[in-house]
Protein backbone atom coordinates (compact mmCIF):
# COMPACT_ATOMS: atom_id res chain seq x y z
CA MET A 1 -0.17 -0.12 -0.34
CA LEU A 2 2.68 2.18 0.92
CA LEU A 3 4.50 1.20 -2.48
CA ARG A 4 1.71 2.88 -4.47
CA ALA A 5 1.60 5.77 -3.15
CA SER A 6 5.07 6.77 -3.14
CA ALA A 7 5.05 5.42 -6.70
CA ALA A 8 1.78 7.98 -7.25
CA ALA A 9 3.82 11.07 -5.34
CA LEU A 10 6.08 9.80 -8.23
CA LEU A 11 3.43 10.48 -11.11
CA VAL A 12 2.67 13.72 -9.54
CA VAL A 13 5.77 15.32 -9.83
CA VAL A 14 7.18 13.88 -12.97
CA ALA A 15 3.64 15.67 -14.40
CA THR A 16 4.19 18.58 -13.30
CA PRO A 17 7.12 20.24 -14.82
CA ALA A 18 6.58 23.66 -13.42
CA GLU A 19 7.34 22.42 -10.18
CA ALA A 20 11.32 22.95 -9.86
CA ALA A 21 13.44 20.40 -11.44
CA ILE A 22 14.53 18.08 -9.25
CA CYS A 23 18.59 16.38 -9.97
CA THR A 24 20.34 13.42 -8.88
CA LEU A 25 24.30 12.98 -9.69
CA SER A 26 25.87 9.99 -9.43
CA LEU A 27 29.82 8.95 -10.10
CA PRO A 28 29.97 5.23 -10.78
CA THR A 29 33.79 5.71 -12.36
CA GLY A 30 35.99 8.34 -10.86
CA GLY A 31 39.15 8.63 -13.88
CA THR A 32 42.78 7.99 -13.68
CA LEU A 33 45.13 10.81 -14.63
CA SER A 34 48.43 9.42 -16.27
CA LEU A 35 51.57 10.94 -17.66
CA SER A 36 52.13 12.28 -21.44
CA SER A 37 55.55 10.67 -23.03
CA ASP A 38 57.12 13.60 -22.54
CA GLY A 39 56.25 14.87 -18.91
CA LEU A 40 54.52 17.98 -19.71
CA ARG A 41 50.93 17.24 -19.05
CA LEU A 42 48.59 14.72 -16.83
CA GLY A 43 45.12 13.69 -18.06
CA SER A 44 42.26 10.97 -18.90
CA GLU A 45 43.18 10.09 -22.23
CA GLU A 46 47.31 10.05 -21.88
CA ALA A 47 47.51 6.26 -21.43
CA THR A 48 47.08 3.94 -23.46
CA VAL A 49 43.48 2.71 -22.95
CA PRO A 50 42.02 6.20 -21.54
CA THR A 51 40.22 6.28 -17.67
CA PRO A 52 37.85 9.22 -17.61
CA GLY A 53 35.59 9.74 -15.06
CA THR A 54 31.29 8.82 -15.83
CA LEU A 55 29.13 10.80 -13.80
CA THR A 56 25.12 9.38 -14.09
CA VAL A 57 22.70 12.25 -14.15
CA LEU A 58 19.03 11.32 -13.50
CA SER A 59 16.48 14.78 -14.18
CA VAL A 60 13.35 14.87 -13.40
CA GLY A 61 11.86 18.23 -14.83
CA SER A 62 15.05 20.37 -17.70
CA SER A 63 18.01 20.94 -14.82
CA THR A 64 20.97 22.43 -16.01
CA LEU A 65 24.33 21.02 -14.98
CA THR A 66 27.18 23.18 -14.95
CA VAL A 67 31.00 21.82 -15.21
CA ASP A 68 33.83 22.98 -14.15
CA PRO A 69 37.69 22.80 -14.72
CA PRO A 70 39.93 20.56 -13.03
CA VAL A 71 42.12 21.61 -9.77
CA LEU A 72 44.31 19.62 -8.22
CA THR A 73 43.87 18.76 -4.56
CA GLN A 74 47.31 16.93 -4.30
CA SER A 75 50.64 17.81 -5.61
CA PRO A 76 53.83 16.15 -4.54
CA ALA A 77 56.38 19.43 -2.90
CA GLY A 78 58.52 19.99 -5.36
CA TYR A 79 55.58 20.64 -8.27
CA GLN A 80 55.53 24.32 -9.61
CA SER A 81 52.43 24.96 -10.47
CA ALA A 82 52.83 28.16 -12.36
CA GLY A 83 52.28 28.18 -15.68
CA GLU A 84 50.12 25.56 -15.57
CA THR A 85 46.66 25.50 -17.41
CA ARG A 86 44.23 22.52 -16.39
CA GLU A 87 40.99 21.88 -18.73
CA MET A 88 37.66 19.80 -19.18
CA ARG A 89 35.83 18.12 -21.95
CA TYR A 90 32.64 16.20 -22.11
CA SER A 91 29.98 14.18 -23.97
CA ALA A 92 27.00 13.31 -22.66
CA PRO A 93 25.55 11.56 -25.92
CA LEU A 94 21.56 11.57 -24.66
CA SER A 95 21.64 15.24 -23.52
CA GLY A 96 22.88 16.16 -26.89
CA ALA A 97 25.71 17.75 -25.01
CA THR A 98 29.40 17.38 -26.07
CA GLN A 99 32.02 20.48 -25.24
CA ALA A 100 35.88 20.71 -26.32
CA TYR A 101 38.87 20.67 -23.91
CA THR A 102 38.16 24.06 -22.37
CA THR A 103 39.91 26.44 -18.97
CA VAL A 104 36.44 27.86 -18.17
CA SER A 105 33.11 26.61 -16.54
CA THR A 106 30.27 25.60 -19.31
CA SER A 107 27.14 24.85 -18.49
CA PHE A 108 24.38 23.06 -21.16
CA THR A 109 20.80 21.71 -20.11
CA VAL A 110 19.70 18.14 -19.17
CA PRO A 111 16.12 17.21 -20.13
CA ASN A 112 13.14 15.73 -18.13
CA LEU A 113 14.04 11.95 -19.30
CA ILE A 114 12.97 8.86 -17.73
CA ASN A 115 16.36 7.34 -18.11
CA PRO A 116 19.63 8.29 -17.08
CA VAL A 117 22.09 10.69 -18.99
CA LEU A 118 25.64 9.24 -18.61
CA LEU A 119 28.62 12.01 -18.58
CA THR A 120 31.67 10.88 -19.95
CA LEU A 121 33.73 13.73 -18.25
CA HIS A 122 38.06 13.99 -18.95
CA ALA A 123 40.39 16.36 -17.47
CA ARG A 124 44.32 17.70 -18.34
CA ILE A 125 46.84 19.62 -16.38
CA THR A 126 49.43 20.70 -18.74
CA ASN A 127 52.35 22.52 -17.19
CA PRO A 128 55.61 23.29 -19.57
CA ALA A 129 58.07 22.95 -16.28
CA GLY A 130 56.71 19.12 -16.30
CA PHE A 131 55.37 17.34 -13.14
CA ALA A 132 56.93 15.91 -10.11
CA ALA A 133 57.86 12.85 -9.03
CA GLY A 134 54.51 11.23 -6.62
CA THR A 135 50.93 11.83 -5.97
CA TYR A 136 48.45 14.24 -7.98
CA GLN A 137 45.18 13.84 -7.18
CA ALA A 138 42.40 16.31 -9.27
CA ARG A 139 38.81 17.37 -8.58
CA THR A 140 35.87 18.72 -11.21
CA VAL A 141 32.96 20.43 -9.95
CA VAL A 142 29.49 19.06 -11.44
CA THR A 143 26.64 21.47 -10.27
CA CYS A 144 23.06 20.51 -11.29
CA SER A 145 21.10 23.29 -10.92
């Protein structure tokens, strides 16, 4: 009985597009950065087998997704960040969104969909001074509004 009441309430939300959009994001794959052969770039497409991050987006009502360029959250003590360029590219075929590598935040619309949108994210950080040996971690922020 409670399950039917919940399902009916969900149908009401879907049937009323004038209501505020509801958006859920989940990160099934975080992605992996690898060093380029010349040592000047860390990126998700530098390995023999690229490892992008993937994000699943569920939207009830139309939502806007904003994707920020990556930020290094961990780097070794010897790393010199001056001169680095941080870029992100993505694709979400179900919503028609494709973004070439960019250094600025970008947005696209996720329509009211029954099926989830899969967003594939590639990050790269280029530094003409190279990368000191050690551990690096990067984060990009995706906001749904």
